[in-house]
Amino acid sequence: MAWKIRDGFDAFDAFELSDHLRERGWQVPAYRLPPNTQETVVLRIVVRNGFSHDLADLLLADIDAGIAHLSLPPRDRKTMHRTSYSHT
């Protein structure tokens, strides 16, 4: 599944959301489309067999939290407590 951030939205970009999600342990790459559409940046999720409803809920919660965090003015983002995903 792929999606883009709506045109005209300037609080943050897809690359910033991708980075935020990576900090939470998700691999949601952001990349530009091929020539003639390279201005379009999309985020992509590959959903594999066994991806549970619980995992989907966690991903959506982390996307919502990322949007809320990145929507803050940059000076306020630094003051938030950040946690990172542990692979242990």
C-alpha atoms as a PDB file:
ATOM      1  CA  MET A   1       0.000   0.000   0.000  1.00  0.00           C
ATOM      2  CA  ALA A   2       1.339   3.433  -0.861  1.00  0.00           C
ATOM      3  CA  TRP A   3       0.112   6.904  -0.039  1.00  0.00           C
ATOM      4  CA  LYS A   4       1.312  10.486  -0.159  1.00  0.00           C
ATOM      5  CA  ILE A   5       0.933  13.484   2.055  1.00  0.00           C
ATOM      6  CA  ARG A   6      -1.612  15.853   0.561  1.00  0.00           C
ATOM      7  CA  ASP A   7      -0.415  18.616  -1.717  1.00  0.00           C
ATOM      8  CA  GLY A   8       0.048  21.962   0.007  1.00  0.00           C
ATOM      9  CA  PHE A   9       0.696  20.421   3.426  1.00  0.00           C
ATOM     10  CA  ASP A  10       3.921  21.933   4.708  1.00  0.00           C
ATOM     11  CA  ALA A  11       4.210  21.037   8.414  1.00  0.00           C
ATOM     12  CA  PHE A  12       6.444  18.056   7.538  1.00  0.00           C
ATOM     13  CA  ASP A  13       7.210  15.804   4.604  1.00  0.00           C
ATOM     14  CA  ALA A  14       7.035  12.083   3.916  1.00  0.00           C
ATOM     15  CA  PHE A  15      10.744  11.629   4.606  1.00  0.00           C
ATOM     16  CA  GLU A  16      10.347  13.060   8.111  1.00  0.00           C
ATOM     17  CA  LEU A  17       7.393  10.780   8.843  1.00  0.00           C
ATOM     18  CA  SER A  18       9.361   7.809   7.526  1.00  0.00           C
ATOM     19  CA  ASP A  19      12.269   8.692   9.845  1.00  0.00           C
ATOM     20  CA  HIS A  20       9.917   9.044  12.804  1.00  0.00           C
ATOM     21  CA  LEU A  21       8.383   5.634  12.118  1.00  0.00           C
ATOM     22  CA  ARG A  22      11.842   4.062  11.777  1.00  0.00           C
ATOM     23  CA  GLU A  23      12.640   5.332  15.288  1.00  0.00           C
ATOM     24  CA  ARG A  24       9.615   3.347  16.437  1.00  0.00           C
ATOM     25  CA  GLY A  25      10.822   0.171  14.670  1.00  0.00           C
ATOM     26  CA  TRP A  26       8.744   0.363  11.468  1.00  0.00           C
ATOM     27  CA  GLN A  27      10.167   0.184   7.967  1.00  0.00           C
ATOM     28  CA  VAL A  28       7.964   2.573   6.006  1.00  0.00           C
ATOM     29  CA  PRO A  29      10.173   3.963   3.237  1.00  0.00           C
ATOM     30  CA  ALA A  30       9.511   7.280   1.550  1.00  0.00           C
ATOM     31  CA  TYR A  31      10.732   7.783  -1.985  1.00  0.00           C
ATOM     32  CA  ARG A  32      10.192   9.821  -5.106  1.00  0.00           C
ATOM     33  CA  LEU A  33       8.331   8.332  -8.037  1.00  0.00           C
ATOM     34  CA  PRO A  34      10.106   7.753 -11.400  1.00  0.00           C
ATOM     35  CA  PRO A  35      10.877  10.502 -13.948  1.00  0.00           C
ATOM     36  CA  ASN A  36       7.954  12.645 -15.094  1.00  0.00           C
ATOM     37  CA  THR A  37       6.396  12.162 -11.635  1.00  0.00           C
ATOM     38  CA  GLN A  38       9.477  12.758  -9.447  1.00  0.00           C
ATOM     39  CA  GLU A  39       7.809  15.623  -7.578  1.00  0.00           C
ATOM     40  CA  THR A  40       5.502  13.056  -5.993  1.00  0.00           C
ATOM     41  CA  VAL A  41       6.837  11.432  -2.817  1.00  0.00           C
ATOM     42  CA  VAL A  42       5.056   8.390  -1.410  1.00  0.00           C
ATOM     43  CA  LEU A  43       5.317   6.252   1.686  1.00  0.00           C
ATOM     44  CA  ARG A  44       4.947   2.509   1.210  1.00  0.00           C
ATOM     45  CA  ILE A  45       3.902  -0.357   3.457  1.00  0.00           C
ATOM     46  CA  VAL A  46       4.212  -3.999   2.473  1.00  0.00           C
ATOM     47  CA  VAL A  47       1.669  -6.073   4.381  1.00  0.00           C
ATOM     48  CA  ARG A  48       2.674  -9.698   4.593  1.00  0.00           C
ATOM     49  CA  ASN A  49       0.739 -12.788   5.515  1.00  0.00           C
ATOM     50  CA  GLY A  50       0.445 -12.904   9.300  1.00  0.00           C
ATOM     51  CA  PHE A  51       0.289  -9.128   9.797  1.00  0.00           C
ATOM     52  CA  SER A  52      -2.239  -9.096  12.603  1.00  0.00           C
ATOM     53  CA  HIS A  53      -4.964  -6.643  13.475  1.00  0.00           C
ATOM     54  CA  ASP A  54      -3.015  -5.852  16.653  1.00  0.00           C
ATOM     55  CA  LEU A  55       0.086  -4.934  14.632  1.00  0.00           C
ATOM     56  CA  ALA A  56      -2.037  -2.788  12.325  1.00  0.00           C
ATOM     57  CA  ASP A  57      -3.410  -0.959  15.369  1.00  0.00           C
ATOM     58  CA  LEU A  58       0.140  -0.357  16.648  1.00  0.00           C
ATOM     59  CA  LEU A  59       1.267   0.946  13.254  1.00  0.00           C
ATOM     60  CA  LEU A  60      -1.704   3.301  12.981  1.00  0.00           C
ATOM     61  CA  ALA A  61      -1.095   4.549  16.530  1.00  0.00           C
ATOM     62  CA  ASP A  62       2.567   5.249  15.687  1.00  0.00           C
ATOM     63  CA  ILE A  63       1.551   7.030  12.467  1.00  0.00           C
ATOM     64  CA  ASP A  64      -0.937   9.170  14.435  1.00  0.00           C
ATOM     65  CA  ALA A  65       1.687   9.927  17.089  1.00  0.00           C
ATOM     66  CA  GLY A  66       4.222  10.796  14.397  1.00  0.00           C
ATOM     67  CA  ILE A  67       1.805  13.164  12.690  1.00  0.00           C
ATOM     68  CA  ALA A  68       1.007  14.842  16.016  1.00  0.00           C
ATOM     69  CA  HIS A  69       4.693  15.176  16.891  1.00  0.00           C
ATOM     70  CA  LEU A  70       5.778  16.441  13.468  1.00  0.00           C
ATOM     71  CA  SER A  71       2.876  18.899  13.332  1.00  0.00           C
ATOM     72  CA  LEU A  72       4.329  20.793  16.295  1.00  0.00           C
ATOM     73  CA  PRO A  73       6.546  23.795  15.576  1.00  0.00           C
ATOM     74  CA  PRO A  74      10.165  22.593  15.248  1.00  0.00           C
ATOM     75  CA  ARG A  75      11.205  24.338  18.475  1.00  0.00           C
ATOM     76  CA  ASP A  76       8.597  22.328  20.413  1.00  0.00           C
ATOM     77  CA  ARG A  77       9.559  18.978  18.895  1.00  0.00           C
ATOM     78  CA  LYS A  78      12.845  18.966  20.789  1.00  0.00           C
ATOM     79  CA  THR A  79      11.132  19.160  24.164  1.00  0.00           C
ATOM     80  CA  MET A  80       9.108  15.999  23.719  1.00  0.00           C
ATOM     81  CA  HIS A  81      10.355  12.810  25.330  1.00  0.00           C
ATOM     82  CA  ARG A  82      11.460  10.465  22.573  1.00  0.00           C
ATOM     83  CA  THR A  83      11.624   6.731  22.879  1.00  0.00           C
ATOM     84  CA  SER A  84      13.101   4.337  20.408  1.00  0.00           C
ATOM     85  CA  TYR A  85      12.358   0.797  19.455  1.00  0.00           C
ATOM     86  CA  SER A  86      14.542  -1.925  20.895  1.00  0.00           C
ATOM     87  CA  HIS A  87      15.155  -5.039  18.825  1.00  0.00           C
ATOM     88  CA  THR A  88      16.171  -7.069  21.896  1.00  0.00           C
END
